[in-house]
C-alpha atoms as a PDB file:
ATOM      1  CA  MET A   1      76.987 107.730 106.827  1.00  0.00           C
ATOM      2  CA  THR A   2      76.597 105.131 104.262  1.00  0.00           C
ATOM      3  CA  VAL A   3      78.726 105.245 101.066  1.00  0.00           C
ATOM      4  CA  GLY A   4      76.360 105.561  98.071  1.00  0.00           C
ATOM      5  CA  LEU A   5      76.441 104.994  94.113  1.00  0.00           C
ATOM      6  CA  GLU A   6      77.606 108.821  93.656  1.00  0.00           C
ATOM      7  CA  HIS A   7      80.663 108.574  96.091  1.00  0.00           C
ATOM      8  CA  TYR A   8      81.847 105.610  93.883  1.00  0.00           C
ATOM      9  CA  LEU A   9      81.156 107.506  90.883  1.00  0.00           C
ATOM     10  CA  ILE A  10      83.034 110.953  92.451  1.00  0.00           C
ATOM     11  CA  VAL A  11      86.362 108.617  93.272  1.00  0.00           C
ATOM     12  CA  SER A  12      85.885 106.884  89.605  1.00  0.00           C
ATOM     13  CA  ALA A  13      85.518 110.151  88.006  1.00  0.00           C
ATOM     14  CA  LEU A  14      88.739 111.570  89.928  1.00  0.00           C
ATOM     15  CA  LEU A  15      90.886 108.485  88.896  1.00  0.00           C
ATOM     16  CA  PHE A  16      89.757 109.114  85.068  1.00  0.00           C
ATOM     17  CA  ALA A  17      90.418 112.809  85.308  1.00  0.00           C
ATOM     18  CA  LEU A  18      94.035 111.852  87.252  1.00  0.00           C
ATOM     19  CA  GLY A  19      94.678 109.570  84.387  1.00  0.00           C
ATOM     20  CA  LEU A  20      93.698 111.650  81.746  1.00  0.00           C
ATOM     21  CA  LEU A  21      95.977 114.422  83.109  1.00  0.00           C
ATOM     22  CA  GLY A  22      98.651 112.274  83.063  1.00  0.00           C
ATOM     23  CA  VAL A  23      98.415 111.260  79.458  1.00  0.00           C
ATOM     24  CA  ILE A  24      98.190 114.443  78.200  1.00  0.00           C
ATOM     25  CA  THR A  25     100.738 116.325  80.024  1.00  0.00           C
ATOM     26  CA  ARG A  26     103.671 113.414  80.267  1.00  0.00           C
ATOM     27  CA  ARG A  27     106.096 112.456  77.998  1.00  0.00           C
ATOM     28  CA  ASN A  28     107.467 109.438  78.867  1.00  0.00           C
ATOM     29  CA  LEU A  29     105.756 106.090  77.853  1.00  0.00           C
ATOM     30  CA  LEU A  30     105.704 104.303  80.768  1.00  0.00           C
ATOM     31  CA  VAL A  31     103.677 107.204  82.768  1.00  0.00           C
ATOM     32  CA  MET A  32     101.648 107.395  79.735  1.00  0.00           C
ATOM     33  CA  TYR A  33     100.940 103.508  79.746  1.00  0.00           C
ATOM     34  CA  MET A  34     100.378 103.871  83.817  1.00  0.00           C
ATOM     35  CA  SER A  35      97.962 106.663  83.190  1.00  0.00           C
ATOM     36  CA  LEU A  36      96.139 104.618  80.552  1.00  0.00           C
ATOM     37  CA  GLU A  37      95.837 101.700  83.273  1.00  0.00           C
ATOM     38  CA  LEU A  38      94.444 103.997  85.704  1.00  0.00           C
ATOM     39  CA  MET A  39      91.888 105.205  83.209  1.00  0.00           C
ATOM     40  CA  LEU A  40      90.722 101.727  82.221  1.00  0.00           C
ATOM     41  CA  ASN A  41      90.454 100.858  86.201  1.00  0.00           C
ATOM     42  CA  ALA A  42      88.363 103.965  86.739  1.00  0.00           C
ATOM     43  CA  ALA A  43      85.861 102.763  84.364  1.00  0.00           C
ATOM     44  CA  ASN A  44      85.964  99.350  85.780  1.00  0.00           C
ATOM     45  CA  LEU A  45      85.236 100.666  89.451  1.00  0.00           C
ATOM     46  CA  ALA A  46      82.303 102.692  87.794  1.00  0.00           C
ATOM     47  CA  LEU A  47      80.648  99.550  86.048  1.00  0.00           C
ATOM     48  CA  VAL A  48      81.163  97.519  89.328  1.00  0.00           C
ATOM     49  CA  ALA A  49      79.755 100.234  90.982  1.00  0.00           C
ATOM     50  CA  PHE A  50      76.791 100.348  88.687  1.00  0.00           C
ATOM     51  CA  SER A  51      76.373  96.633  88.796  1.00  0.00           C
ATOM     52  CA  TRP A  52      76.233  96.254  92.657  1.00  0.00           C
ATOM     53  CA  PHE A  53      73.912  98.973  93.123  1.00  0.00           C
ATOM     54  CA  ASN A  54      71.399  97.765  90.459  1.00  0.00           C
ATOM     55  CA  ASP A  55      71.746  94.267  91.667  1.00  0.00           C
ATOM     56  CA  ASN A  56      72.773  92.990  88.240  1.00  0.00           C
ATOM     57  CA  LEU A  57      75.928  90.996  87.547  1.00  0.00           C
ATOM     58  CA  ASN A  58      76.299  92.109  83.716  1.00  0.00           C
ATOM     59  CA  GLY A  59      78.960  94.953  84.944  1.00  0.00           C
ATOM     60  CA  GLN A  60      80.930  92.758  86.835  1.00  0.00           C
ATOM     61  CA  VAL A  61      81.202  89.933  84.290  1.00  0.00           C
ATOM     62  CA  MET A  62      82.324  92.892  81.690  1.00  0.00           C
ATOM     63  CA  VAL A  63      84.699  93.949  84.090  1.00  0.00           C
ATOM     64  CA  PHE A  64      86.452  90.470  84.123  1.00  0.00           C
ATOM     65  CA  PHE A  65      86.568  90.564  80.562  1.00  0.00           C
ATOM     66  CA  ILE A  66      87.951  94.451  80.203  1.00  0.00           C
ATOM     67  CA  ILE A  67      90.621  92.820  82.637  1.00  0.00           C
ATOM     68  CA  THR A  68      91.453  89.937  80.563  1.00  0.00           C
ATOM     69  CA  VAL A  69      91.798  92.198  77.751  1.00  0.00           C
ATOM     70  CA  ALA A  70      94.000  94.685  79.852  1.00  0.00           C
ATOM     71  CA  ALA A  71      96.426  91.936  80.437  1.00  0.00           C
ATOM     72  CA  ALA A  72      97.214  91.264  76.811  1.00  0.00           C
ATOM     73  CA  GLU A  73      97.346  95.187  76.180  1.00  0.00           C
ATOM     74  CA  VAL A  74      99.989  95.259  79.080  1.00  0.00           C
ATOM     75  CA  ALA A  75     101.875  92.567  77.336  1.00  0.00           C
ATOM     76  CA  VAL A  76     102.026  93.950  74.067  1.00  0.00           C
ATOM     77  CA  GLY A  77     102.545  97.534  74.984  1.00  0.00           C
ATOM     78  CA  LEU A  78     105.253  96.874  77.381  1.00  0.00           C
ATOM     79  CA  ALA A  79     107.035  94.944  74.375  1.00  0.00           C
ATOM     80  CA  LEU A  80     106.808  97.819  72.156  1.00  0.00           C
ATOM     81  CA  ILE A  81     108.151 100.227  74.859  1.00  0.00           C
ATOM     82  CA  VAL A  82     111.065  97.716  75.604  1.00  0.00           C
ATOM     83  CA  ALA A  83     111.957  97.464  71.806  1.00  0.00           C
ATOM     84  CA  LEU A  84     111.824 101.466  71.567  1.00  0.00           C
ATOM     85  CA  TYR A  85     113.916 101.648  74.629  1.00  0.00           C
ATOM     86  CA  ARG A  86     116.590  99.125  73.179  1.00  0.00           C
ATOM     87  CA  LYS A  87     116.831 100.860  69.836  1.00  0.00           C
ATOM     88  CA  ARG A  88     116.887 104.454  71.195  1.00  0.00           C
ATOM     89  CA  GLN A  89     117.693 104.028  74.846  1.00  0.00           C
ATOM     90  CA  SER A  90     114.888 106.286  75.680  1.00  0.00           C
ATOM     91  CA  ALA A  91     111.262 105.864  76.155  1.00  0.00           C
ATOM     92  CA  HIS A  92     109.903 109.470  75.352  1.00  0.00           C
ATOM     93  CA  VAL A  93     106.819 110.066  72.898  1.00  0.00           C
ATOM     94  CA  GLU A  94     109.458 111.892  70.432  1.00  0.00           C
ATOM     95  CA  ASP A  95     111.273 108.514  69.455  1.00  0.00           C
ATOM     96  CA  LEU A  96     108.086 106.875  68.391  1.00  0.00           C
ATOM     97  CA  THR A  97     108.883 108.274  64.663  1.00  0.00           C
ATOM     98  CA  SER A  98     112.072 106.055  64.809  1.00  0.00           C
ATOM     99  CA  MET A  99     110.321 102.793  64.428  1.00  0.00           C
ATOM    100  CA  LYS A 100     109.381 103.484  61.181  1.00  0.00           C
ATOM    101  CA  LEU A 101     110.578 101.004  58.346  1.00  0.00           C
END
């Protein structure tokens, strides 16, 4: 049995759905943040699979830039979560309104 494009896309869709479920159902910011990263990696998997099966490197180059932007996103996002935790000793979504000036 060979692994085709549809197999990669099914795994990518399942990962994306799992990440979306985590964002919708969870209240903890760290879990929501990890779920967002899971959704981003699912999109990267789909891009690499399309790139591989079409013999085109454009998708893989795009994934490189997405990973670069995701690294910057992690730094900023975790800094915001740490600031919220220091202020309220909690990392729940309901505490975001306390960050107003």
